[in-house]
């Protein structure tokens, strides 16, 4: 089969890793880059040997013969570029969070449905090797019926150093990291029936919340607590790992620091280390995340070629978006929000 040809819209911090991840896959070819600052796109294009550079997304979509586009811009521009791609009848992959509010996300999904084009959201967190293994272990039934879970992303990782714009966001950790972690909760446990959230701001000089505690009742009566923090100075929490504890009637599953998955039942504890692949282009501190981008892109490519449906298509990710902005509404009202 001929290679699927695509263009990237947006050349910010994460684009370098998403492009490198695409380069790991066969059957795909990057033809063009767009960025409003042409010089930024040109530097990225030179690095990855991309033949054509644009500072007009509309011109790029009109001139290039593409099979899909990958949108890697800030959240406030997503609807504009998704609508533009849909108008050109192009399948579209969009960076998370999908939109700055639920209503906008819903419009984006409907726009692509009306244009009859596939719409996928780049939600890579669930593709991390240890989290996939956690899902497999849970699905095996070894711990029986799950009744309680805790999913924790709490660290002092210097996120503002490579993404200083995050300090200016009025909605910070829930929109940025909560999009990932709440999606993991859905991936592992199913849909939420209610949500309650409390937030705090610990870092000085930032606009939004950097701490959030979220409690959800999931389908089947599972109680799930999600902990988010960029202000936690704990020895084991210096790296961007997600820790998980799921309790069941017959045992527990624990995803612990350094990629250790531990399953405990009456027979004892079985431990397995699930270290992610380190690609030569990946930052070692981010290797878990960067490896998951490759797997997310692989899933998109299979879907684009008609082999399967993408896991994180827009309609599915809309449910994650509902949790993100439901959490903000709950925190503002100080109430449990029924979903």
C-alpha atoms as a PDB file:
ATOM      1  CA  UNK A   1       0.000   0.000   0.000  1.00  0.00           C
ATOM      2  CA  UNK A   2       1.200   3.532  -0.742  1.00  0.00           C
ATOM      3  CA  UNK A   3       2.311   5.616   2.193  1.00  0.00           C
ATOM      4  CA  UNK A   4      -0.358   7.769   3.844  1.00  0.00           C
ATOM      5  CA  UNK A   5       0.610  11.392   3.361  1.00  0.00           C
ATOM      6  CA  UNK A   6      -0.018  13.969   6.074  1.00  0.00           C
ATOM      7  CA  UNK A   7       0.738  17.475   7.258  1.00  0.00           C
ATOM      8  CA  UNK A   8       1.325  18.869  10.736  1.00  0.00           C
ATOM      9  CA  UNK A   9      -0.413  22.033  11.912  1.00  0.00           C
ATOM     10  CA  UNK A  10       1.595  23.662  14.718  1.00  0.00           C
ATOM     11  CA  UNK A  11       5.307  23.430  15.489  1.00  0.00           C
ATOM     12  CA  UNK A  12       5.462  23.958  19.254  1.00  0.00           C
ATOM     13  CA  UNK A  13       7.209  21.939  21.988  1.00  0.00           C
ATOM     14  CA  UNK A  14       5.377  18.631  21.527  1.00  0.00           C
ATOM     15  CA  UNK A  15       5.462  18.611  17.728  1.00  0.00           C
ATOM     16  CA  UNK A  16       9.117  17.521  17.670  1.00  0.00           C
ATOM     17  CA  UNK A  17       8.246  14.370  19.594  1.00  0.00           C
ATOM     18  CA  UNK A  18       5.064  13.582  17.710  1.00  0.00           C
ATOM     19  CA  UNK A  19       6.864  13.923  14.389  1.00  0.00           C
ATOM     20  CA  UNK A  20       9.735  11.741  15.631  1.00  0.00           C
ATOM     21  CA  UNK A  21       7.152   9.168  16.742  1.00  0.00           C
ATOM     22  CA  UNK A  22       5.544   9.162  13.282  1.00  0.00           C
ATOM     23  CA  UNK A  23       9.004   8.525  11.805  1.00  0.00           C
ATOM     24  CA  UNK A  24       9.125   5.233  13.747  1.00  0.00           C
ATOM     25  CA  UNK A  25       6.176   3.873  11.735  1.00  0.00           C
ATOM     26  CA  UNK A  26       6.143   2.474   8.228  1.00  0.00           C
ATOM     27  CA  UNK A  27       3.471   3.470   5.749  1.00  0.00           C
ATOM     28  CA  UNK A  28       3.300   7.188   6.541  1.00  0.00           C
ATOM     29  CA  UNK A  29       5.001  10.270   5.065  1.00  0.00           C
ATOM     30  CA  UNK A  30       5.094  13.860   6.342  1.00  0.00           C
ATOM     31  CA  UNK A  31       4.790  16.291   3.416  1.00  0.00           C
ATOM     32  CA  UNK A  32       4.317  19.717   4.981  1.00  0.00           C
ATOM     33  CA  UNK A  33       4.412  21.806   8.144  1.00  0.00           C
ATOM     34  CA  UNK A  34       2.387  24.877   9.069  1.00  0.00           C
ATOM     35  CA  UNK A  35       3.163  27.382  11.787  1.00  0.00           C
ATOM     36  CA  UNK A  36       2.073  31.008  12.036  1.00  0.00           C
ATOM     37  CA  UNK A  37       5.764  31.873  12.583  1.00  0.00           C
ATOM     38  CA  UNK A  38       7.289  30.527   9.396  1.00  0.00           C
ATOM     39  CA  UNK A  39      10.861  30.430  10.732  1.00  0.00           C
ATOM     40  CA  UNK A  40       9.809  28.065  13.516  1.00  0.00           C
ATOM     41  CA  UNK A  41       8.287  25.650  10.995  1.00  0.00           C
ATOM     42  CA  UNK A  42      11.360  25.988   8.776  1.00  0.00           C
ATOM     43  CA  UNK A  43      13.698  24.942  11.601  1.00  0.00           C
ATOM     44  CA  UNK A  44      11.557  21.913  12.369  1.00  0.00           C
ATOM     45  CA  UNK A  45      11.273  21.082   8.684  1.00  0.00           C
ATOM     46  CA  UNK A  46      15.041  21.150   8.267  1.00  0.00           C
ATOM     47  CA  UNK A  47      15.471  18.886  11.285  1.00  0.00           C
ATOM     48  CA  UNK A  48      13.006  16.268  10.000  1.00  0.00           C
ATOM     49  CA  UNK A  49      13.579  16.737   6.256  1.00  0.00           C
ATOM     50  CA  UNK A  50      10.034  17.950   5.551  1.00  0.00           C
ATOM     51  CA  UNK A  51       9.823  19.223   1.958  1.00  0.00           C
ATOM     52  CA  UNK A  52       7.351  22.111   2.261  1.00  0.00           C
ATOM     53  CA  UNK A  53       6.749  24.855   4.821  1.00  0.00           C
ATOM     54  CA  UNK A  54       3.707  27.147   5.168  1.00  0.00           C
ATOM     55  CA  UNK A  55       2.614  30.080   7.300  1.00  0.00           C
ATOM     56  CA  UNK A  56      -0.975  29.729   6.035  1.00  0.00           C
ATOM     57  CA  UNK A  57      -2.836  26.574   7.032  1.00  0.00           C
ATOM     58  CA  UNK A  58      -5.521  27.251   4.447  1.00  0.00           C
ATOM     59  CA  UNK A  59      -2.963  27.518   1.675  1.00  0.00           C
ATOM     60  CA  UNK A  60      -1.325  24.291   2.795  1.00  0.00           C
ATOM     61  CA  UNK A  61      -4.600  22.359   2.772  1.00  0.00           C
ATOM     62  CA  UNK A  62      -5.481  23.725  -0.659  1.00  0.00           C
ATOM     63  CA  UNK A  63      -2.091  22.940  -2.212  1.00  0.00           C
ATOM     64  CA  UNK A  64      -1.146  19.571  -0.707  1.00  0.00           C
ATOM     65  CA  UNK A  65      -2.600  16.170  -1.553  1.00  0.00           C
ATOM     66  CA  UNK A  66      -3.052  14.715   1.933  1.00  0.00           C
ATOM     67  CA  UNK A  67      -4.592  11.673   3.568  1.00  0.00           C
ATOM     68  CA  UNK A  68      -4.875  13.302   7.018  1.00  0.00           C
ATOM     69  CA  UNK A  69      -3.646  16.169   9.202  1.00  0.00           C
ATOM     70  CA  UNK A  70      -2.181  16.167  12.701  1.00  0.00           C
ATOM     71  CA  UNK A  71      -3.058  19.290  14.731  1.00  0.00           C
ATOM     72  CA  UNK A  72      -0.511  20.104  17.464  1.00  0.00           C
ATOM     73  CA  UNK A  73      -1.467  23.653  18.450  1.00  0.00           C
ATOM     74  CA  UNK A  74      -2.752  25.307  21.612  1.00  0.00           C
ATOM     75  CA  UNK A  75      -6.247  24.379  22.723  1.00  0.00           C
ATOM     76  CA  UNK A  76      -7.839  27.694  21.775  1.00  0.00           C
ATOM     77  CA  UNK A  77      -7.124  27.107  18.065  1.00  0.00           C
ATOM     78  CA  UNK A  78      -8.266  23.476  17.817  1.00  0.00           C
ATOM     79  CA  UNK A  79     -11.824  24.134  16.654  1.00  0.00           C
ATOM     80  CA  UNK A  80     -10.659  26.441  13.850  1.00  0.00           C
ATOM     81  CA  UNK A  81      -8.180  23.944  12.450  1.00  0.00           C
ATOM     82  CA  UNK A  82     -10.441  20.911  12.897  1.00  0.00           C
ATOM     83  CA  UNK A  83     -13.210  22.728  11.008  1.00  0.00           C
ATOM     84  CA  UNK A  84     -10.737  23.694   8.284  1.00  0.00           C
ATOM     85  CA  UNK A  85      -9.579  20.092   7.855  1.00  0.00           C
ATOM     86  CA  UNK A  86     -13.168  18.803   7.827  1.00  0.00           C
ATOM     87  CA  UNK A  87     -14.066  21.328   5.131  1.00  0.00           C
ATOM     88  CA  UNK A  88     -11.317  19.763   2.989  1.00  0.00           C
ATOM     89  CA  UNK A  89     -12.741  16.287   3.794  1.00  0.00           C
ATOM     90  CA  UNK A  90      -9.546  15.289   5.592  1.00  0.00           C
ATOM     91  CA  UNK A  91      -9.366  12.908   8.558  1.00  0.00           C
ATOM     92  CA  UNK A  92      -7.979  14.789  11.520  1.00  0.00           C
ATOM     93  CA  UNK A  93      -5.937  14.027  14.629  1.00  0.00           C
ATOM     94  CA  UNK A  94      -6.131  16.721  17.300  1.00  0.00           C
ATOM     95  CA  UNK A  95      -3.913  17.314  20.328  1.00  0.00           C
ATOM     96  CA  UNK A  96      -5.445  17.032  23.788  1.00  0.00           C
ATOM     97  CA  UNK A  97      -7.213  18.662  25.543  1.00  0.00           C
ATOM     98  CA  UNK A  98      -9.670  18.601  22.677  1.00  0.00           C
ATOM     99  CA  UNK A  99     -11.230  21.987  23.466  1.00  0.00           C
ATOM    100  CA  UNK A 100     -11.362  24.782  26.072  1.00  0.00           C
ATOM    101  CA  UNK A 101     -14.891  23.736  27.118  1.00  0.00           C
ATOM    102  CA  UNK A 102     -17.362  20.917  26.613  1.00  0.00           C
ATOM    103  CA  UNK A 103     -19.631  22.800  24.196  1.00  0.00           C
ATOM    104  CA  UNK A 104     -16.749  23.538  21.828  1.00  0.00           C
ATOM    105  CA  UNK A 105     -15.634  19.898  21.950  1.00  0.00           C
ATOM    106  CA  UNK A 106     -19.161  18.796  21.103  1.00  0.00           C
ATOM    107  CA  UNK A 107     -19.251  21.137  18.084  1.00  0.00           C
ATOM    108  CA  UNK A 108     -15.926  19.747  16.858  1.00  0.00           C
ATOM    109  CA  UNK A 109     -17.218  16.177  17.028  1.00  0.00           C
ATOM    110  CA  UNK A 110     -20.427  17.166  15.222  1.00  0.00           C
ATOM    111  CA  UNK A 111     -18.510  19.087  12.537  1.00  0.00           C
ATOM    112  CA  UNK A 112     -16.497  15.989  11.648  1.00  0.00           C
ATOM    113  CA  UNK A 113     -19.560  13.748  11.800  1.00  0.00           C
ATOM    114  CA  UNK A 114     -21.419  16.027   9.385  1.00  0.00           C
ATOM    115  CA  UNK A 115     -18.404  16.082   7.034  1.00  0.00           C
ATOM    116  CA  UNK A 116     -18.151  12.290   7.393  1.00  0.00           C
ATOM    117  CA  UNK A 117     -14.437  12.441   8.222  1.00  0.00           C
ATOM    118  CA  UNK A 118     -12.676  10.492  11.002  1.00  0.00           C
ATOM    119  CA  UNK A 119     -11.821  12.606  14.027  1.00  0.00           C
ATOM    120  CA  UNK A 120      -9.255  11.344  16.552  1.00  0.00           C
ATOM    121  CA  UNK A 121      -7.774  12.936  19.670  1.00  0.00           C
ATOM    122  CA  UNK A 122      -4.107  12.462  20.507  1.00  0.00           C
ATOM    123  CA  UNK A 123      -4.597  10.934  23.948  1.00  0.00           C
ATOM    124  CA  UNK A 124      -1.392   8.941  24.407  1.00  0.00           C
ATOM    125  CA  UNK A 125      -1.316   8.385  28.191  1.00  0.00           C
ATOM    126  CA  UNK A 126      -3.414   5.207  28.089  1.00  0.00           C
ATOM    127  CA  UNK A 127      -0.841   3.798  25.636  1.00  0.00           C
ATOM    128  CA  UNK A 128       1.940   3.710  28.231  1.00  0.00           C
ATOM    129  CA  UNK A 129       3.273   0.167  28.546  1.00  0.00           C
ATOM    130  CA  UNK A 130       2.685  -0.162  32.343  1.00  0.00           C
ATOM    131  CA  UNK A 131      -0.869   1.199  32.050  1.00  0.00           C
ATOM    132  CA  UNK A 132      -1.727  -1.217  29.210  1.00  0.00           C
ATOM    133  CA  UNK A 133      -0.405  -4.047  31.401  1.00  0.00           C
ATOM    134  CA  UNK A 134      -2.530  -2.810  34.323  1.00  0.00           C
ATOM    135  CA  UNK A 135      -5.609  -2.965  32.095  1.00  0.00           C
ATOM    136  CA  UNK A 136      -4.763  -6.517  30.966  1.00  0.00           C
ATOM    137  CA  UNK A 137      -4.244  -7.670  34.539  1.00  0.00           C
ATOM    138  CA  UNK A 138      -7.535  -6.116  35.657  1.00  0.00           C
ATOM    139  CA  UNK A 139      -9.403  -7.678  32.709  1.00  0.00           C
ATOM    140  CA  UNK A 140      -8.011 -11.112  33.622  1.00  0.00           C
ATOM    141  CA  UNK A 141     -10.254 -11.142  36.702  1.00  0.00           C
ATOM    142  CA  UNK A 142      -7.428 -12.161  39.030  1.00  0.00           C
ATOM    143  CA  UNK A 143      -8.464  -9.640  41.728  1.00  0.00           C
ATOM    144  CA  UNK A 144     -12.189 -10.257  41.322  1.00  0.00           C
ATOM    145  CA  UNK A 145     -14.721  -7.438  41.220  1.00  0.00           C
ATOM    146  CA  UNK A 146     -12.951  -4.071  41.667  1.00  0.00           C
ATOM    147  CA  UNK A 147     -14.491  -1.771  44.261  1.00  0.00           C
ATOM    148  CA  UNK A 148     -11.960   1.022  44.809  1.00  0.00           C
ATOM    149  CA  UNK A 149      -9.140   2.705  42.904  1.00  0.00           C
ATOM    150  CA  UNK A 150      -6.617   5.480  43.339  1.00  0.00           C
ATOM    151  CA  UNK A 151      -4.823   7.049  40.369  1.00  0.00           C
ATOM    152  CA  UNK A 152      -2.059   9.449  41.319  1.00  0.00           C
ATOM    153  CA  UNK A 153       0.003  11.875  39.275  1.00  0.00           C
ATOM    154  CA  UNK A 154       1.813  13.933  41.919  1.00  0.00           C
ATOM    155  CA  UNK A 155       5.373  15.175  41.478  1.00  0.00           C
ATOM    156  CA  UNK A 156       7.705  18.145  41.394  1.00  0.00           C
ATOM    157  CA  UNK A 157       8.663  17.713  37.747  1.00  0.00           C
ATOM    158  CA  UNK A 158       9.858  21.102  36.371  1.00  0.00           C
ATOM    159  CA  UNK A 159       7.085  21.363  33.813  1.00  0.00           C
ATOM    160  CA  UNK A 160       7.331  25.166  33.527  1.00  0.00           C
ATOM    161  CA  UNK A 161      10.930  25.000  32.283  1.00  0.00           C
ATOM    162  CA  UNK A 162      10.110  23.545  28.868  1.00  0.00           C
ATOM    163  CA  UNK A 163       6.506  24.770  28.679  1.00  0.00           C
ATOM    164  CA  UNK A 164       6.491  28.233  30.344  1.00  0.00           C
ATOM    165  CA  UNK A 165       3.069  29.072  28.854  1.00  0.00           C
ATOM    166  CA  UNK A 166       1.495  26.622  31.339  1.00  0.00           C
ATOM    167  CA  UNK A 167       2.058  29.166  34.116  1.00  0.00           C
ATOM    168  CA  UNK A 168      -0.318  31.546  32.325  1.00  0.00           C
ATOM    169  CA  UNK A 169      -3.254  29.144  32.033  1.00  0.00           C
ATOM    170  CA  UNK A 170      -6.216  29.957  34.264  1.00  0.00           C
ATOM    171  CA  UNK A 171      -7.231  26.292  33.965  1.00  0.00           C
ATOM    172  CA  UNK A 172      -4.009  24.391  34.466  1.00  0.00           C
ATOM    173  CA  UNK A 173      -3.474  20.941  35.936  1.00  0.00           C
ATOM    174  CA  UNK A 174      -6.953  19.480  35.401  1.00  0.00           C
ATOM    175  CA  UNK A 175      -7.064  20.588  31.754  1.00  0.00           C
ATOM    176  CA  UNK A 176      -3.423  19.743  31.066  1.00  0.00           C
ATOM    177  CA  UNK A 177      -2.746  16.558  33.075  1.00  0.00           C
ATOM    178  CA  UNK A 178      -6.292  15.755  34.140  1.00  0.00           C
ATOM    179  CA  UNK A 179      -7.161  15.172  30.488  1.00  0.00           C
ATOM    180  CA  UNK A 180      -4.676  12.296  30.595  1.00  0.00           C
ATOM    181  CA  UNK A 181      -5.368  10.896  34.035  1.00  0.00           C
ATOM    182  CA  UNK A 182      -9.161  11.087  33.842  1.00  0.00           C
ATOM    183  CA  UNK A 183      -8.946   9.309  30.490  1.00  0.00           C
ATOM    184  CA  UNK A 184      -6.889   6.575  32.183  1.00  0.00           C
ATOM    185  CA  UNK A 185      -9.628   6.248  34.815  1.00  0.00           C
ATOM    186  CA  UNK A 186     -12.185   5.697  32.053  1.00  0.00           C
ATOM    187  CA  UNK A 187      -9.871   3.299  30.209  1.00  0.00           C
ATOM    188  CA  UNK A 188      -9.408   1.144  33.300  1.00  0.00           C
ATOM    189  CA  UNK A 189     -12.736   1.424  35.107  1.00  0.00           C
ATOM    190  CA  UNK A 190     -15.457   2.547  32.684  1.00  0.00           C
ATOM    191  CA  UNK A 191     -17.603   5.665  32.800  1.00  0.00           C
ATOM    192  CA  UNK A 192     -18.184   7.956  35.778  1.00  0.00           C
ATOM    193  CA  UNK A 193     -21.632   8.610  37.244  1.00  0.00           C
ATOM    194  CA  UNK A 194     -20.638  11.545  39.463  1.00  0.00           C
ATOM    195  CA  UNK A 195     -17.636  13.749  40.167  1.00  0.00           C
ATOM    196  CA  UNK A 196     -16.455  15.923  43.063  1.00  0.00           C
ATOM    197  CA  UNK A 197     -13.350  18.105  42.893  1.00  0.00           C
ATOM    198  CA  UNK A 198     -11.274  20.379  45.108  1.00  0.00           C
ATOM    199  CA  UNK A 199      -8.366  22.483  43.812  1.00  0.00           C
ATOM    200  CA  UNK A 200      -5.461  24.535  45.170  1.00  0.00           C
ATOM    201  CA  UNK A 201      -2.652  26.739  43.858  1.00  0.00           C
ATOM    202  CA  UNK A 202       0.728  26.217  45.533  1.00  0.00           C
ATOM    203  CA  UNK A 203       3.318  27.611  43.106  1.00  0.00           C
ATOM    204  CA  UNK A 204       3.661  31.389  43.290  1.00  0.00           C
ATOM    205  CA  UNK A 205       3.172  33.408  40.132  1.00  0.00           C
ATOM    206  CA  UNK A 206       0.977  30.995  38.197  1.00  0.00           C
ATOM    207  CA  UNK A 207      -2.559  31.719  37.047  1.00  0.00           C
ATOM    208  CA  UNK A 208      -4.268  28.364  37.506  1.00  0.00           C
ATOM    209  CA  UNK A 209      -4.520  25.435  39.880  1.00  0.00           C
ATOM    210  CA  UNK A 210      -1.521  23.109  40.295  1.00  0.00           C
ATOM    211  CA  UNK A 211      -3.217  20.694  42.727  1.00  0.00           C
ATOM    212  CA  UNK A 212      -6.533  18.873  42.371  1.00  0.00           C
ATOM    213  CA  UNK A 213      -8.256  16.068  44.267  1.00  0.00           C
ATOM    214  CA  UNK A 214     -11.067  14.383  42.341  1.00  0.00           C
ATOM    215  CA  UNK A 215     -13.482  11.732  43.574  1.00  0.00           C
ATOM    216  CA  UNK A 216     -15.716   9.804  41.182  1.00  0.00           C
ATOM    217  CA  UNK A 217     -18.299   7.058  41.430  1.00  0.00           C
ATOM    218  CA  UNK A 218     -17.815   4.827  38.412  1.00  0.00           C
ATOM    219  CA  UNK A 219     -20.229   2.413  36.803  1.00  0.00           C
ATOM    220  CA  UNK A 220     -20.536  -0.762  38.838  1.00  0.00           C
ATOM    221  CA  UNK A 221     -20.145   1.161  42.099  1.00  0.00           C
ATOM    222  CA  UNK A 222     -16.357   1.534  41.916  1.00  0.00           C
ATOM    223  CA  UNK A 223     -15.033   4.468  43.958  1.00  0.00           C
ATOM    224  CA  UNK A 224     -12.150   6.191  42.173  1.00  0.00           C
ATOM    225  CA  UNK A 225      -9.922   8.931  43.574  1.00  0.00           C
ATOM    226  CA  UNK A 226      -7.675  10.904  41.213  1.00  0.00           C
ATOM    227  CA  UNK A 227      -4.805  12.940  42.664  1.00  0.00           C
ATOM    228  CA  UNK A 228      -3.070  15.613  40.580  1.00  0.00           C
ATOM    229  CA  UNK A 229      -0.174  17.785  41.702  1.00  0.00           C
ATOM    230  CA  UNK A 230       2.872  19.596  40.392  1.00  0.00           C
ATOM    231  CA  UNK A 231       3.715  20.755  43.929  1.00  0.00           C
ATOM    232  CA  UNK A 232       4.489  17.400  45.578  1.00  0.00           C
ATOM    233  CA  UNK A 233       8.091  17.113  46.752  1.00  0.00           C
ATOM    234  CA  UNK A 234       8.244  13.392  47.433  1.00  0.00           C
ATOM    235  CA  UNK A 235      11.268  11.166  46.843  1.00  0.00           C
ATOM    236  CA  UNK A 236       9.448   8.752  44.567  1.00  0.00           C
ATOM    237  CA  UNK A 237       7.533  11.465  42.705  1.00  0.00           C
ATOM    238  CA  UNK A 238      10.294  13.304  40.836  1.00  0.00           C
ATOM    239  CA  UNK A 239       9.364  11.832  37.475  1.00  0.00           C
ATOM    240  CA  UNK A 240       6.229  12.016  35.297  1.00  0.00           C
ATOM    241  CA  UNK A 241       4.906   8.566  36.209  1.00  0.00           C
ATOM    242  CA  UNK A 242       1.340   7.605  37.055  1.00  0.00           C
ATOM    243  CA  UNK A 243       0.793   5.405  40.107  1.00  0.00           C
ATOM    244  CA  UNK A 244      -2.295   3.231  40.373  1.00  0.00           C
ATOM    245  CA  UNK A 245      -3.895   1.086  43.065  1.00  0.00           C
ATOM    246  CA  UNK A 246      -6.992  -0.970  42.260  1.00  0.00           C
ATOM    247  CA  UNK A 247      -8.596  -3.040  45.017  1.00  0.00           C
ATOM    248  CA  UNK A 248     -10.838  -5.991  44.241  1.00  0.00           C
ATOM    249  CA  UNK A 249     -12.754  -8.624  46.161  1.00  0.00           C
ATOM    250  CA  UNK A 250      -9.912 -11.131  45.667  1.00  0.00           C
ATOM    251  CA  UNK A 251      -6.831  -8.928  45.702  1.00  0.00           C
ATOM    252  CA  UNK A 252      -5.199  -5.755  44.424  1.00  0.00           C
ATOM    253  CA  UNK A 253      -3.188  -4.407  41.498  1.00  0.00           C
ATOM    254  CA  UNK A 254      -0.561  -1.746  42.130  1.00  0.00           C
ATOM    255  CA  UNK A 255       1.403   0.200  39.534  1.00  0.00           C
ATOM    256  CA  UNK A 256       4.337   1.469  41.580  1.00  0.00           C
ATOM    257  CA  UNK A 257       7.384   3.721  40.932  1.00  0.00           C
ATOM    258  CA  UNK A 258       9.982   2.642  38.371  1.00  0.00           C
ATOM    259  CA  UNK A 259       7.376   0.765  36.273  1.00  0.00           C
ATOM    260  CA  UNK A 260       6.708  -2.043  38.770  1.00  0.00           C
ATOM    261  CA  UNK A 261       3.340  -3.791  38.454  1.00  0.00           C
ATOM    262  CA  UNK A 262       2.424  -5.813  41.537  1.00  0.00           C
ATOM    263  CA  UNK A 263      -0.562  -8.139  41.830  1.00  0.00           C
ATOM    264  CA  UNK A 264      -1.500  -9.356  45.302  1.00  0.00           C
ATOM    265  CA  UNK A 265      -3.927 -12.197  46.069  1.00  0.00           C
ATOM    266  CA  UNK A 266      -4.214 -14.836  48.778  1.00  0.00           C
ATOM    267  CA  UNK A 267      -1.421 -16.712  46.996  1.00  0.00           C
ATOM    268  CA  UNK A 268       1.020 -13.810  47.504  1.00  0.00           C
ATOM    269  CA  UNK A 269       2.416 -10.933  45.450  1.00  0.00           C
ATOM    270  CA  UNK A 270       3.620 -11.244  41.874  1.00  0.00           C
ATOM    271  CA  UNK A 271       5.830  -8.395  40.599  1.00  0.00           C
ATOM    272  CA  UNK A 272       6.892  -7.498  37.074  1.00  0.00           C
ATOM    273  CA  UNK A 273       8.894  -4.506  35.847  1.00  0.00           C
ATOM    274  CA  UNK A 274       7.606  -2.957  32.622  1.00  0.00           C
ATOM    275  CA  UNK A 275      10.259  -0.550  31.438  1.00  0.00           C
ATOM    276  CA  UNK A 276       9.268   1.409  28.315  1.00  0.00           C
ATOM    277  CA  UNK A 277      11.345   1.506  25.172  1.00  0.00           C
ATOM    278  CA  UNK A 278      13.862   4.356  24.985  1.00  0.00           C
ATOM    279  CA  UNK A 279      13.996   5.791  21.465  1.00  0.00           C
ATOM    280  CA  UNK A 280      17.146   7.618  20.391  1.00  0.00           C
ATOM    281  CA  UNK A 281      15.179  10.869  19.945  1.00  0.00           C
ATOM    282  CA  UNK A 282      13.420  10.679  23.318  1.00  0.00           C
ATOM    283  CA  UNK A 283      14.308  12.613  26.442  1.00  0.00           C
ATOM    284  CA  UNK A 284      15.221   9.917  29.027  1.00  0.00           C
ATOM    285  CA  UNK A 285      13.104  11.703  31.642  1.00  0.00           C
ATOM    286  CA  UNK A 286      10.133  11.512  29.269  1.00  0.00           C
ATOM    287  CA  UNK A 287      10.842   8.062  27.803  1.00  0.00           C
ATOM    288  CA  UNK A 288       7.630   6.589  29.226  1.00  0.00           C
ATOM    289  CA  UNK A 289       5.563   9.342  27.610  1.00  0.00           C
ATOM    290  CA  UNK A 290       7.493   9.478  24.346  1.00  0.00           C
ATOM    291  CA  UNK A 291       7.208   5.718  23.821  1.00  0.00           C
ATOM    292  CA  UNK A 292       3.446   5.992  24.309  1.00  0.00           C
ATOM    293  CA  UNK A 293       3.234   8.580  21.502  1.00  0.00           C
ATOM    294  CA  UNK A 294       4.538   5.968  19.070  1.00  0.00           C
ATOM    295  CA  UNK A 295       1.818   3.523  20.165  1.00  0.00           C
ATOM    296  CA  UNK A 296      -0.919   6.165  19.963  1.00  0.00           C
ATOM    297  CA  UNK A 297       0.205   7.065  16.430  1.00  0.00           C
ATOM    298  CA  UNK A 298       0.278   3.384  15.499  1.00  0.00           C
ATOM    299  CA  UNK A 299      -3.365   3.077  16.582  1.00  0.00           C
ATOM    300  CA  UNK A 300      -4.304   6.141  14.499  1.00  0.00           C
ATOM    301  CA  UNK A 301      -2.525   4.736  11.452  1.00  0.00           C
ATOM    302  CA  UNK A 302      -4.349   1.406  11.739  1.00  0.00           C
ATOM    303  CA  UNK A 303      -7.645   3.300  11.967  1.00  0.00           C
ATOM    304  CA  UNK A 304      -6.813   5.535   9.003  1.00  0.00           C
ATOM    305  CA  UNK A 305      -6.042   2.451   6.923  1.00  0.00           C
ATOM    306  CA  UNK A 306      -9.408   0.947   7.877  1.00  0.00           C
ATOM    307  CA  UNK A 307      -8.050  -1.905  10.004  1.00  0.00           C
ATOM    308  CA  UNK A 308      -9.942  -0.826  13.148  1.00  0.00           C
ATOM    309  CA  UNK A 309     -11.534   2.122  14.918  1.00  0.00           C
ATOM    310  CA  UNK A 310      -9.197   4.396  16.837  1.00  0.00           C
ATOM    311  CA  UNK A 311      -9.447   3.981  20.596  1.00  0.00           C
ATOM    312  CA  UNK A 312      -9.458   7.714  21.234  1.00  0.00           C
ATOM    313  CA  UNK A 313     -11.794   8.914  18.506  1.00  0.00           C
ATOM    314  CA  UNK A 314     -13.485  12.239  19.134  1.00  0.00           C
ATOM    315  CA  UNK A 315     -16.805  10.772  20.273  1.00  0.00           C
ATOM    316  CA  UNK A 316     -15.037   8.734  22.963  1.00  0.00           C
ATOM    317  CA  UNK A 317     -12.758  11.552  24.093  1.00  0.00           C
ATOM    318  CA  UNK A 318     -15.803  13.779  24.510  1.00  0.00           C
ATOM    319  CA  UNK A 319     -16.531  11.734  27.644  1.00  0.00           C
ATOM    320  CA  UNK A 320     -13.093  12.600  29.016  1.00  0.00           C
ATOM    321  CA  UNK A 321     -13.702  16.272  28.204  1.00  0.00           C
ATOM    322  CA  UNK A 322     -16.945  16.048  30.186  1.00  0.00           C
ATOM    323  CA  UNK A 323     -14.975  14.874  33.229  1.00  0.00           C
ATOM    324  CA  UNK A 324     -12.370  17.627  32.863  1.00  0.00           C
ATOM    325  CA  UNK A 325     -14.853  20.486  32.790  1.00  0.00           C
ATOM    326  CA  UNK A 326     -17.202  18.707  35.185  1.00  0.00           C
ATOM    327  CA  UNK A 327     -14.313  18.748  37.674  1.00  0.00           C
ATOM    328  CA  UNK A 328     -13.911  22.506  37.254  1.00  0.00           C
ATOM    329  CA  UNK A 329     -17.645  23.054  37.689  1.00  0.00           C
ATOM    330  CA  UNK A 330     -17.711  20.878  40.799  1.00  0.00           C
ATOM    331  CA  UNK A 331     -14.775  22.781  42.320  1.00  0.00           C
ATOM    332  CA  UNK A 332     -16.411  26.132  41.592  1.00  0.00           C
ATOM    333  CA  UNK A 333     -19.762  25.079  43.062  1.00  0.00           C
ATOM    334  CA  UNK A 334     -18.320  23.011  45.905  1.00  0.00           C
ATOM    335  CA  UNK A 335     -20.771  20.232  45.075  1.00  0.00           C
ATOM    336  CA  UNK A 336     -20.935  16.710  43.748  1.00  0.00           C
ATOM    337  CA  UNK A 337     -21.843  16.884  40.059  1.00  0.00           C
ATOM    338  CA  UNK A 338     -24.048  14.164  38.619  1.00  0.00           C
ATOM    339  CA  UNK A 339     -23.032  13.160  35.085  1.00  0.00           C
END
